[in-house]
Amino acid sequence: MEIRVAKTAGFCFGVKRAINLAEDCAGGGDGDIYTLGPIIHNPQVVKKLEESNVYARNDLDDVDSGTVIIRSHGVRLDEYESASEKGLSVVDATCPFVKKAQENVSRLLEEGYKIIVVGEEEHPEVQGLVSYGGKNVTVAVSVDELKALPRSGKIGIVAQTTQNIATLEAITAFCLSRASEVKVFNTICNATTLRQAESLDLAGEVDVMIVVGGKNSANTKRLAELCRPIQKRTYHIETACEIDEKWFEGAEIVGVTAGASSPRWIIEEVITTLEGLSDYSSGSRSEKKEGVSL
């Protein structure tokens, strides 16, 4: 059974930066260290940080002293300000792409635009973006959610950094019919766009598609959603222990991609497990395709 791994599978730049900052804090050994919310959407990584005495807290009320690390998704503006007001040592691990999106929302607010944030309302990154836009913000992840949008002189659009470019394009096209002026900031991370494109291409080449990443990871869930219409045998897993050998009966080629919050060691465990399943495929040996990277 041949295993093909997407070249961009695993940690993106923003996630690597956040993890490195957390590890640096842990190495400093000065006082209690917390992350405001899980630093990334991967339970295994969060648990690993706990072993270094870096603990996730969902509310600043649970942090009285020490260091608080702002997660890679960013936080609401009021949470950021409250952390400073409490006298906590704040380490900002917000992904630079998310930070730029926050700045764009603030800019649109100052310039008097009706703001549309393209993203999932419950996602922490989106909640953070909304907080920079005051009361003049609408969140939508589809055109259907904007059908009742009234006409406006000016509409400004910012996207959740892990959104699908097709969704941003569709909402932008719709907003052109609702405003005399539309300003769009394409804040979708380049790594997200590349990862999605590679995963779609890979899904069309394989008999089974494995998508690795946290079940609470928006970008990982989106990879699975995009791949499934192309390859119906697409499975979203967090770790190798979830793999079911029955998925691969008759399979000759298996594709593996992973979300931006999936560490290399988890991806390698998945590949090792897949390499042991050749008895359940039509091939006689397990082979990892050369030239791919993790």
Protein backbone atom coordinates (compact mmCIF):
# COMPACT_ATOMS: atom_id res chain seq x y z
CA MET A 1 0.00 0.00 0.00
CA GLU A 2 1.46 3.31 -1.08
CA ILE A 3 1.19 6.24 1.32
CA ARG A 4 1.24 9.77 -0.06
CA VAL A 5 1.65 12.66 2.37
CA ALA A 6 0.70 16.25 1.56
CA LYS A 7 3.82 18.43 1.57
CA THR A 8 2.31 21.07 3.84
CA ALA A 9 0.80 18.65 6.38
CA GLY A 10 1.31 19.77 9.96
CA PHE A 11 2.27 22.89 11.86
CA CYS A 12 2.02 26.22 10.07
CA PHE A 13 4.23 29.21 10.85
CA GLY A 14 1.81 30.77 13.34
CA VAL A 15 1.37 27.54 15.29
CA LYS A 16 5.12 26.87 15.41
CA ARG A 17 5.67 30.39 16.71
CA ALA A 18 3.04 29.99 19.43
CA ILE A 19 4.43 26.66 20.61
CA ASN A 20 7.98 28.01 20.65
CA LEU A 21 6.87 30.99 22.76
CA ALA A 22 5.10 28.69 25.21
CA GLU A 23 8.15 26.43 25.49
CA ASP A 24 10.40 29.44 26.03
CA CYS A 25 8.14 30.59 28.87
CA ALA A 26 8.20 27.11 30.41
CA GLY A 27 11.98 27.10 30.24
CA GLY A 28 12.15 30.42 32.08
CA GLY A 29 10.69 28.93 35.23
CA ASP A 30 9.43 32.23 36.67
CA GLY A 31 6.01 31.88 38.32
CA ASP A 32 2.82 30.26 37.07
CA ILE A 33 2.27 30.05 33.32
CA TYR A 34 -1.11 29.86 31.63
CA THR A 35 -2.53 30.09 28.14
CA LEU A 36 -5.80 31.96 27.69
CA GLY A 37 -7.75 29.16 26.08
CA PRO A 38 -5.94 26.22 24.44
CA ILE A 39 -2.88 27.65 22.70
CA ILE A 40 -3.81 25.67 19.56
CA HIS A 41 -6.71 23.36 18.75
CA ASN A 42 -4.90 20.11 19.42
CA PRO A 43 -5.61 18.28 22.72
CA GLN A 44 -2.41 16.25 22.55
CA VAL A 45 -0.23 19.36 22.28
CA VAL A 46 -2.14 21.06 25.11
CA LYS A 47 -1.58 18.00 27.30
CA LYS A 48 2.11 17.94 26.41
CA LEU A 49 2.45 21.59 27.50
CA GLU A 50 0.82 20.72 30.82
CA GLU A 51 3.73 18.36 31.43
CA SER A 52 5.93 21.48 31.27
CA ASN A 53 3.60 23.27 33.71
CA VAL A 54 1.88 25.41 31.09
CA TYR A 55 -1.85 25.20 31.75
CA ALA A 56 -4.82 26.32 29.67
CA ARG A 57 -7.40 28.52 31.37
CA ASN A 58 -10.59 29.60 29.62
CA ASP A 59 -11.26 32.62 31.83
CA LEU A 60 -8.99 35.33 33.23
CA ASP A 61 -10.86 35.01 36.51
CA ASP A 62 -8.94 31.76 36.95
CA VAL A 63 -5.57 33.52 36.61
CA ASP A 64 -4.45 35.69 39.52
CA SER A 65 -0.73 35.99 38.90
CA GLY A 66 2.16 34.89 36.72
CA THR A 67 2.34 34.78 32.94
CA VAL A 68 -0.56 34.50 30.53
CA ILE A 69 0.10 33.50 26.93
CA ILE A 70 -2.34 34.75 24.31
CA ARG A 71 -3.25 31.76 22.14
CA SER A 72 -2.46 31.56 18.43
CA HIS A 73 -6.09 32.35 17.52
CA GLY A 74 -5.95 35.61 19.47
CA VAL A 75 -8.46 36.75 22.09
CA ARG A 76 -11.13 39.42 22.41
CA LEU A 77 -9.90 42.97 22.84
CA ASP A 78 -11.45 43.23 26.31
CA GLU A 79 -9.66 40.05 27.42
CA TYR A 80 -6.33 41.38 26.23
CA GLU A 81 -6.86 44.65 28.08
CA SER A 82 -8.02 42.86 31.24
CA ALA A 83 -4.87 40.71 31.32
CA SER A 84 -2.73 43.85 31.37
CA GLU A 85 -4.95 45.56 33.96
CA LYS A 86 -4.55 42.57 36.30
CA GLY A 87 -0.80 43.06 36.23
CA LEU A 88 -0.13 39.75 34.51
CA SER A 89 2.93 39.26 32.36
CA VAL A 90 1.43 38.97 28.87
CA VAL A 91 3.13 37.00 26.10
CA ASP A 92 1.30 37.53 22.82
CA ALA A 93 1.43 34.36 20.73
CA THR A 94 -1.33 35.52 18.37
CA CYS A 95 -0.55 34.39 14.84
CA PRO A 96 0.75 37.39 12.86
CA PHE A 97 -1.86 36.72 10.17
CA VAL A 98 -4.63 36.85 12.78
CA LYS A 99 -3.09 40.02 14.20
CA LYS A 100 -3.21 41.60 10.75
CA ALA A 101 -6.86 40.64 10.39
CA GLN A 102 -7.62 42.29 13.75
CA GLU A 103 -5.88 45.46 12.57
CA ASN A 104 -7.93 45.42 9.36
CA VAL A 105 -11.19 45.19 11.31
CA SER A 106 -10.13 48.17 13.43
CA ARG A 107 -9.26 50.10 10.28
CA LEU A 108 -12.65 49.40 8.72
CA LEU A 109 -14.37 50.55 11.91
CA GLU A 110 -12.43 53.83 11.88
CA GLU A 111 -13.30 54.38 8.22
CA GLY A 112 -17.03 53.89 8.81
CA TYR A 113 -17.64 50.60 7.01
CA LYS A 114 -20.33 48.08 7.78
CA ILE A 115 -18.10 45.10 8.60
CA ILE A 116 -18.60 41.50 7.46
CA VAL A 117 -16.40 38.86 9.06
CA VAL A 118 -16.37 35.70 6.95
CA GLY A 119 -16.07 32.89 9.44
CA GLU A 120 -17.67 30.71 12.11
CA GLU A 121 -19.31 32.77 14.83
CA GLU A 122 -18.31 30.46 17.70
CA HIS A 123 -14.65 30.19 16.70
CA PRO A 124 -12.31 32.07 19.09
CA GLU A 125 -10.47 33.77 16.24
CA VAL A 126 -13.73 35.15 14.86
CA GLN A 127 -14.89 36.27 18.31
CA GLY A 128 -11.62 38.13 18.63
CA LEU A 129 -12.05 39.79 15.23
CA VAL A 130 -15.60 40.86 16.08
CA SER A 131 -14.39 42.56 19.27
CA TYR A 132 -12.26 44.95 17.21
CA GLY A 133 -15.26 46.07 15.14
CA GLY A 134 -17.61 47.36 17.80
CA LYS A 135 -21.34 46.84 17.20
CA ASN A 136 -21.19 47.27 13.44
CA VAL A 137 -20.14 43.68 12.62
CA THR A 138 -21.97 40.78 10.99
CA VAL A 139 -20.52 37.27 10.96
CA ALA A 140 -21.37 34.89 8.12
CA VAL A 141 -19.99 31.72 6.64
CA SER A 142 -22.34 31.58 3.66
CA VAL A 143 -24.32 33.89 1.39
CA ASP A 144 -27.56 32.45 2.79
CA GLU A 145 -26.75 33.99 6.17
CA LEU A 146 -26.62 37.44 4.53
CA LYS A 147 -29.92 37.37 2.62
CA ALA A 148 -31.47 39.87 5.04
CA LEU A 149 -28.47 42.22 4.92
CA PRO A 150 -29.76 45.74 4.23
CA ARG A 151 -28.18 48.01 1.66
CA SER A 152 -25.24 50.00 2.95
CA GLY A 153 -23.08 52.74 1.54
CA LYS A 154 -19.87 50.96 2.44
CA ILE A 155 -19.18 47.33 3.32
CA GLY A 156 -15.80 46.06 4.47
CA ILE A 157 -14.94 42.37 4.48
CA VAL A 158 -12.36 40.45 6.52
CA ALA A 159 -12.00 36.65 6.58
CA GLN A 160 -11.14 34.18 9.29
CA THR A 161 -7.58 33.17 8.39
CA THR A 162 -8.46 29.49 7.87
CA GLN A 163 -11.51 30.08 5.66
CA ASN A 164 -12.00 28.70 2.17
CA ILE A 165 -11.22 31.25 -0.58
CA ALA A 166 -14.36 30.20 -2.48
CA THR A 167 -16.50 31.23 0.50
CA LEU A 168 -14.81 34.63 0.67
CA GLU A 169 -15.31 35.15 -3.07
CA ALA A 170 -19.01 34.22 -2.91
CA ILE A 171 -19.73 36.56 -0.01
CA THR A 172 -17.77 39.36 -1.67
CA ALA A 173 -19.79 38.96 -4.87
CA PHE A 174 -23.03 39.11 -2.88
CA CYS A 175 -21.97 42.23 -0.97
CA LEU A 176 -21.34 44.03 -4.25
CA SER A 177 -25.11 43.94 -4.73
CA ARG A 178 -25.71 45.46 -1.29
CA ALA A 179 -23.30 48.41 -1.25
CA SER A 180 -21.98 51.19 -3.44
CA GLU A 181 -18.48 50.54 -2.12
CA VAL A 182 -16.92 47.26 -0.98
CA LYS A 183 -13.46 46.97 0.54
CA VAL A 184 -12.07 43.45 0.91
CA PHE A 185 -9.07 42.30 2.90
CA ASN A 186 -8.09 38.78 1.87
CA THR A 187 -6.86 37.72 5.29
CA ILE A 188 -6.89 33.99 4.50
CA CYS A 189 -3.44 32.66 5.36
CA ASN A 190 -1.40 31.59 2.33
CA ALA A 191 -0.52 28.34 4.11
CA THR A 192 -4.24 27.57 4.48
CA THR A 193 -4.91 28.12 0.79
CA LEU A 194 -1.92 25.97 -0.21
CA ARG A 195 -2.82 23.21 2.26
CA GLN A 196 -6.39 23.06 0.96
CA ALA A 197 -5.27 22.97 -2.68
CA GLU A 198 -2.73 20.19 -2.02
CA SER A 199 -5.27 18.16 -0.05
CA LEU A 200 -7.86 18.45 -2.83
CA ASP A 201 -5.32 17.31 -5.42
CA LEU A 202 -4.24 14.41 -3.22
CA ALA A 203 -7.82 13.31 -2.55
CA GLY A 204 -8.29 12.85 -6.28
CA GLU A 205 -5.30 10.51 -6.52
CA VAL A 206 -5.96 8.07 -3.67
CA ASP A 207 -8.35 5.29 -2.61
CA VAL A 208 -8.55 6.44 1.02
CA MET A 209 -7.89 9.90 2.49
CA ILE A 210 -6.80 10.42 6.10
CA VAL A 211 -7.07 13.91 7.59
CA VAL A 212 -5.16 14.30 10.86
CA GLY A 213 -5.93 16.96 13.44
CA GLY A 214 -7.91 18.00 16.49
CA LYS A 215 -11.64 17.40 16.30
CA ASN A 216 -12.02 20.98 17.56
CA SER A 217 -9.75 22.36 14.83
CA ALA A 218 -11.69 24.42 12.29
CA ASN A 219 -9.03 24.23 9.59
CA THR A 220 -8.74 20.44 9.97
CA LYS A 221 -12.50 19.92 9.80
CA ARG A 222 -12.55 22.09 6.69
CA LEU A 223 -9.89 19.90 5.05
CA ALA A 224 -12.05 16.83 5.66
CA GLU A 225 -15.15 18.63 4.34
CA LEU A 226 -13.32 19.65 1.17
CA CYS A 227 -11.82 16.21 0.54
CA ARG A 228 -14.94 14.13 1.20
CA PRO A 229 -16.85 15.08 -2.00
CA ILE A 230 -13.79 14.05 -4.02
CA GLN A 231 -12.93 10.92 -2.05
CA LYS A 232 -15.88 9.55 -0.03
CA ARG A 233 -13.52 7.35 1.96
CA THR A 234 -12.17 10.36 3.84
CA TYR A 235 -11.63 10.00 7.59
CA HIS A 236 -10.82 12.72 10.13
CA ILE A 237 -8.77 11.41 13.05
CA GLU A 238 -6.86 12.98 15.92
CA THR A 239 -4.40 10.15 16.55
CA ALA A 240 -3.30 6.85 15.07
CA CYS A 241 -5.30 4.83 17.61
CA GLU A 242 -8.51 5.83 15.80
CA ILE A 243 -7.48 4.12 12.56
CA ASP A 244 -9.74 1.20 11.56
CA GLU A 245 -8.12 -1.40 9.35
CA LYS A 246 -11.44 -1.99 7.58
CA TRP A 247 -11.20 1.46 5.99
CA PHE A 248 -8.37 0.24 3.75
CA GLU A 249 -9.74 -3.00 2.32
CA GLY A 250 -8.87 -3.01 -1.37
CA ALA A 251 -6.94 0.25 -1.15
CA GLU A 252 -3.73 0.62 -3.10
CA ILE A 253 -2.97 4.29 -2.39
CA VAL A 254 -3.67 6.17 0.84
CA GLY A 255 -3.37 9.93 1.18
CA VAL A 256 -2.49 11.73 4.41
CA THR A 257 -2.94 15.41 5.11
CA ALA A 258 -3.04 17.25 8.42
CA GLY A 259 -4.34 20.47 9.89
CA ALA A 260 -2.15 23.39 10.87
CA SER A 261 -2.23 22.40 14.55
CA SER A 262 -1.10 18.80 14.03
CA PRO A 263 2.43 18.11 15.37
CA ARG A 264 4.92 16.10 13.39
CA TRP A 265 5.08 13.27 15.93
CA ILE A 266 1.35 12.56 15.60
CA ILE A 267 1.57 12.52 11.79
CA GLU A 268 4.53 10.13 11.96
CA GLU A 269 2.59 7.79 14.27
CA VAL A 270 -0.26 7.76 11.75
CA ILE A 271 2.12 6.92 8.91
CA THR A 272 3.78 4.14 10.94
CA THR A 273 0.37 2.64 11.68
CA LEU A 274 -0.65 2.81 8.03
CA GLU A 275 2.57 1.12 7.00
CA GLY A 276 1.53 -1.85 9.12
CA LEU A 277 -1.79 -2.33 7.33
CA SER A 278 -0.60 -3.76 4.03
CA ASP A 279 -2.36 -7.06 4.75
CA TYR A 280 -5.67 -5.26 4.34
CA SER A 281 -4.88 -3.68 1.00
CA SER A 282 -4.63 -5.13 -2.47
CA GLY A 283 -0.89 -4.40 -2.52
CA SER A 284 1.77 -6.73 -1.17
CA ARG A 285 3.92 -4.16 0.58
CA SER A 286 3.72 -0.85 2.37
CA GLU A 287 5.50 2.03 0.76
CA LYS A 288 5.85 5.69 1.61
CA LYS A 289 6.16 7.82 -1.51
CA GLU A 290 9.50 9.57 -1.84
CA GLY A 291 9.77 13.31 -2.07
CA VAL A 292 7.12 14.26 0.45
CA SER A 293 7.80 16.19 3.61
CA LEU A 294 6.22 16.52 7.02
